[in-house]
Every structure is written in structure tokens, then in C-alpha cells.
């Protein structure tokens, strides 16, 4: 099983999936959940050269999150991707 890391620690070109949230439940994590950050959902770093915010590809969309927001999301690398 893969190690669970913060969304801010993912690398370009690798596939990940959402594993949960650091501070769940909270109003902000509920908002993220409604935006598509659901456990088991594939997520990747978008090929955009920004450092803050960070742009992610999830559910066919690109979503930009500030680093302090993205740190609330936990992911794990998909080994077979």
C-alpha cells in the first residue's frame, strides 16, 4: 500500500488518488468534497508553471488551490498508473 502524503507533495507525471482530509469534518473540507475531492478520485498535477496557487487536474477539470488549502487534502500514489 502507498504512503499517504499531502497534496502539496505530489510530483508531475505521476498519478494519485484522494485518500481523505486532515481536518475532517470542517466547513472547508465539505466545500472541497463538493468540488470533487472525493476519496478514491484520481488526481494529478496540471502542467502549469505556478508555485502558489497549485493547479490540479481532477474529474476532467482544473482546480487551483493555495498551498495552505491543498495541505488539507491527503493523497496516495497509484502504482499501476
N, C-alpha and C. Protein backbone atom coordinates (compact mmCIF):
# COMPACT_ATOMS: atom_id res chain seq x y z
N UNK A 1 0.83 -1.18 0.00
CA UNK A 1 0.00 0.00 0.00
C UNK A 1 0.88 1.24 0.00
N UNK A 2 0.46 2.27 -0.73
CA UNK A 2 1.22 3.50 -0.85
C UNK A 2 1.16 4.34 0.42
N UNK A 3 2.15 5.16 0.58
CA UNK A 3 2.19 6.10 1.69
C UNK A 3 1.23 7.25 1.43
N UNK A 4 0.55 7.69 2.43
CA UNK A 4 -0.37 8.83 2.31
C UNK A 4 0.43 10.10 2.55
N UNK A 5 0.31 11.05 1.61
CA UNK A 5 1.04 12.31 1.67
C UNK A 5 0.08 13.48 1.46
N UNK A 6 0.57 14.69 1.71
CA UNK A 6 -0.21 15.90 1.43
C UNK A 6 -0.26 16.12 -0.07
N UNK A 7 -1.33 16.72 -0.53
CA UNK A 7 -1.48 17.03 -1.95
C UNK A 7 -0.37 17.95 -2.45
N UNK A 8 0.18 18.76 -1.58
CA UNK A 8 1.26 19.68 -1.97
C UNK A 8 2.56 18.96 -2.29
N UNK A 9 2.67 17.68 -1.94
CA UNK A 9 3.91 16.92 -2.13
C UNK A 9 3.90 16.02 -3.37
N UNK A 10 2.87 16.15 -4.24
CA UNK A 10 2.82 15.27 -5.40
C UNK A 10 3.78 15.75 -6.49
N UNK A 11 4.12 14.86 -7.40
CA UNK A 11 5.07 15.14 -8.47
C UNK A 11 4.39 15.10 -9.84
N UNK A 12 4.89 15.92 -10.74
CA UNK A 12 4.40 15.95 -12.12
C UNK A 12 4.62 14.59 -12.79
N UNK A 13 3.65 14.14 -13.56
CA UNK A 13 3.79 12.90 -14.32
C UNK A 13 3.41 11.64 -13.57
N UNK A 14 3.04 11.76 -12.31
CA UNK A 14 2.61 10.60 -11.53
C UNK A 14 1.12 10.73 -11.23
N UNK A 15 0.47 9.57 -11.07
CA UNK A 15 -0.96 9.55 -10.79
C UNK A 15 -1.19 9.29 -9.30
N UNK A 16 -2.18 9.95 -8.76
CA UNK A 16 -2.53 9.84 -7.35
C UNK A 16 -4.04 9.70 -7.21
N UNK A 17 -4.47 9.35 -6.00
CA UNK A 17 -5.89 9.37 -5.71
C UNK A 17 -6.10 10.00 -4.35
N UNK A 18 -7.24 10.66 -4.21
CA UNK A 18 -7.60 11.31 -2.96
C UNK A 18 -7.83 10.24 -1.89
N UNK A 19 -7.23 10.44 -0.72
CA UNK A 19 -7.37 9.48 0.38
C UNK A 19 -8.22 10.02 1.53
N UNK A 20 -8.38 11.34 1.59
CA UNK A 20 -9.16 11.94 2.66
C UNK A 20 -8.68 13.34 2.97
N UNK A 21 -9.00 13.80 4.17
CA UNK A 21 -8.66 15.15 4.59
C UNK A 21 -8.02 15.13 5.97
N UNK A 22 -7.17 16.11 6.23
CA UNK A 22 -6.52 16.23 7.54
C UNK A 22 -7.52 16.62 8.61
N UNK A 23 -8.33 17.62 8.35
CA UNK A 23 -9.26 18.16 9.34
C UNK A 23 -10.70 17.89 8.93
N UNK A 24 -11.08 16.65 8.95
CA UNK A 24 -12.43 16.30 8.51
C UNK A 24 -13.27 15.94 9.72
N UNK A 25 -14.44 16.38 9.90
CA UNK A 25 -15.17 17.29 9.03
C UNK A 25 -14.94 18.75 9.42
N UNK A 26 -14.99 19.60 8.42
CA UNK A 26 -14.96 21.04 8.62
C UNK A 26 -15.72 21.65 7.46
N UNK A 27 -16.05 22.91 7.58
CA UNK A 27 -16.78 23.59 6.52
C UNK A 27 -15.96 23.59 5.23
N UNK A 28 -14.64 23.78 5.37
CA UNK A 28 -13.80 23.83 4.18
C UNK A 28 -13.66 22.46 3.51
N UNK A 29 -13.50 21.40 4.30
CA UNK A 29 -13.39 20.08 3.69
C UNK A 29 -14.71 19.67 3.04
N UNK A 30 -15.82 20.10 3.57
CA UNK A 30 -17.11 19.84 2.91
C UNK A 30 -17.18 20.56 1.57
N UNK A 31 -16.65 21.76 1.50
CA UNK A 31 -16.60 22.51 0.23
C UNK A 31 -15.72 21.79 -0.78
N UNK A 32 -14.54 21.32 -0.33
CA UNK A 32 -13.65 20.57 -1.22
C UNK A 32 -14.33 19.29 -1.72
N UNK A 33 -15.04 18.63 -0.84
CA UNK A 33 -15.76 17.41 -1.21
C UNK A 33 -16.77 17.71 -2.31
N UNK A 34 -17.49 18.81 -2.20
CA UNK A 34 -18.47 19.21 -3.21
C UNK A 34 -17.80 19.59 -4.53
N UNK A 35 -16.54 20.03 -4.47
CA UNK A 35 -15.79 20.39 -5.68
C UNK A 35 -15.23 19.16 -6.40
N UNK A 36 -15.36 17.97 -5.80
CA UNK A 36 -14.90 16.75 -6.45
C UNK A 36 -13.76 16.03 -5.76
N UNK A 37 -13.28 16.57 -4.66
CA UNK A 37 -12.20 15.92 -3.91
C UNK A 37 -12.79 14.83 -3.02
N UNK A 38 -13.14 13.71 -3.67
CA UNK A 38 -13.80 12.60 -3.01
C UNK A 38 -12.81 11.45 -2.91
N UNK A 39 -12.83 10.75 -1.79
CA UNK A 39 -11.92 9.63 -1.57
C UNK A 39 -11.98 8.64 -2.74
N UNK A 40 -10.80 8.28 -3.26
CA UNK A 40 -10.70 7.34 -4.38
C UNK A 40 -10.65 8.01 -5.74
N UNK A 41 -10.87 9.32 -5.81
CA UNK A 41 -10.86 10.04 -7.08
C UNK A 41 -9.43 10.28 -7.55
N UNK A 42 -9.13 9.94 -8.83
CA UNK A 42 -7.79 10.21 -9.36
C UNK A 42 -7.52 11.72 -9.44
N UNK A 43 -6.27 12.10 -9.17
CA UNK A 43 -5.87 13.50 -9.22
C UNK A 43 -4.43 13.57 -9.69
N UNK A 44 -4.09 14.62 -10.43
CA UNK A 44 -2.73 14.81 -10.93
C UNK A 44 -2.39 16.29 -10.91
N UNK A 45 -1.13 16.57 -10.94
CA UNK A 45 -0.63 17.93 -11.03
C UNK A 45 -0.79 18.39 -12.47
N UNK A 46 -1.44 19.52 -12.70
CA UNK A 46 -1.62 20.03 -14.06
C UNK A 46 -0.30 20.62 -14.56
N UNK A 47 -0.08 20.55 -15.87
CA UNK A 47 1.17 21.09 -16.43
C UNK A 47 1.16 22.61 -16.55
N UNK A 48 1.05 23.27 -15.40
CA UNK A 48 1.02 24.72 -15.32
C UNK A 48 2.14 25.16 -14.40
N UNK A 49 2.92 26.12 -14.82
CA UNK A 49 4.09 26.54 -14.04
C UNK A 49 3.73 27.68 -13.08
N UNK A 50 3.11 27.31 -11.97
CA UNK A 50 2.80 28.22 -10.88
C UNK A 50 3.27 27.56 -9.60
N UNK A 51 3.67 28.34 -8.63
CA UNK A 51 4.07 27.74 -7.36
C UNK A 51 2.98 27.92 -6.31
N UNK A 52 2.26 29.02 -6.35
CA UNK A 52 1.14 29.23 -5.42
C UNK A 52 0.19 30.23 -6.07
N UNK A 53 -0.95 29.80 -6.54
CA UNK A 53 -1.61 28.53 -6.28
C UNK A 53 -1.04 27.39 -7.11
N UNK A 54 -1.42 26.17 -6.73
CA UNK A 54 -1.05 24.96 -7.47
C UNK A 54 -2.28 24.52 -8.24
N UNK A 55 -2.09 24.10 -9.49
CA UNK A 55 -3.21 23.70 -10.33
C UNK A 55 -3.23 22.17 -10.43
N UNK A 56 -4.41 21.60 -10.17
CA UNK A 56 -4.60 20.15 -10.19
C UNK A 56 -5.63 19.77 -11.23
N UNK A 57 -5.49 18.58 -11.78
CA UNK A 57 -6.48 18.02 -12.69
C UNK A 57 -7.26 16.96 -11.92
N UNK A 58 -8.57 17.14 -11.86
CA UNK A 58 -9.44 16.21 -11.15
C UNK A 58 -10.80 16.20 -11.82
N UNK A 59 -11.30 15.01 -12.10
CA UNK A 59 -12.63 14.83 -12.70
C UNK A 59 -12.82 15.65 -13.97
N UNK A 60 -11.78 15.72 -14.81
CA UNK A 60 -11.88 16.42 -16.09
C UNK A 60 -11.79 17.94 -15.99
N UNK A 61 -11.50 18.45 -14.82
CA UNK A 61 -11.39 19.90 -14.62
C UNK A 61 -10.03 20.25 -14.03
N UNK A 62 -9.70 21.51 -14.15
CA UNK A 62 -8.50 22.03 -13.48
C UNK A 62 -8.95 22.93 -12.36
N UNK A 63 -8.39 22.68 -11.18
CA UNK A 63 -8.74 23.45 -9.99
C UNK A 63 -7.46 23.98 -9.37
N UNK A 64 -7.44 25.29 -9.09
CA UNK A 64 -6.29 25.92 -8.46
C UNK A 64 -6.57 26.08 -6.96
N UNK A 65 -5.61 25.63 -6.16
CA UNK A 65 -5.70 25.77 -4.71
C UNK A 65 -4.42 26.39 -4.17
N UNK A 66 -4.56 27.22 -3.17
CA UNK A 66 -3.39 27.74 -2.47
C UNK A 66 -2.73 26.58 -1.73
N UNK A 67 -1.43 26.69 -1.49
CA UNK A 67 -0.71 25.61 -0.81
C UNK A 67 -1.32 25.29 0.55
N UNK A 68 -1.69 26.32 1.31
CA UNK A 68 -2.25 26.05 2.64
C UNK A 68 -3.60 25.34 2.55
N UNK A 69 -4.33 25.52 1.45
CA UNK A 69 -5.59 24.80 1.23
C UNK A 69 -5.32 23.36 0.81
N UNK A 70 -4.36 23.19 -0.10
CA UNK A 70 -4.04 21.85 -0.62
C UNK A 70 -3.44 20.95 0.46
N UNK A 71 -2.83 21.54 1.48
CA UNK A 71 -2.25 20.74 2.57
C UNK A 71 -3.32 20.00 3.37
N UNK A 72 -4.56 20.40 3.24
CA UNK A 72 -5.66 19.74 3.95
C UNK A 72 -6.07 18.43 3.29
N UNK A 73 -5.63 18.23 2.02
CA UNK A 73 -6.04 17.05 1.25
C UNK A 73 -4.93 16.01 1.28
N UNK A 74 -5.31 14.77 1.61
CA UNK A 74 -4.36 13.66 1.66
C UNK A 74 -4.55 12.79 0.42
N UNK A 75 -3.42 12.34 -0.17
CA UNK A 75 -3.45 11.51 -1.37
C UNK A 75 -2.46 10.36 -1.24
N UNK A 76 -2.61 9.39 -2.13
CA UNK A 76 -1.62 8.32 -2.22
C UNK A 76 -1.36 8.06 -3.69
N UNK A 77 -0.13 7.69 -4.01
CA UNK A 77 0.27 7.44 -5.39
C UNK A 77 -0.35 6.13 -5.89
N UNK A 78 -0.79 6.17 -7.14
CA UNK A 78 -1.30 4.96 -7.79
C UNK A 78 -0.12 4.29 -8.47
N UNK A 79 0.22 3.11 -8.04
CA UNK A 79 1.40 2.41 -8.54
C UNK A 79 1.23 1.87 -9.96
N UNK A 80 0.02 1.51 -10.37
CA UNK A 80 -0.20 0.91 -11.68
C UNK A 80 -0.55 1.93 -12.75
N UNK A 81 -0.43 3.23 -12.45
CA UNK A 81 -0.81 4.24 -13.43
C UNK A 81 0.36 4.63 -14.30
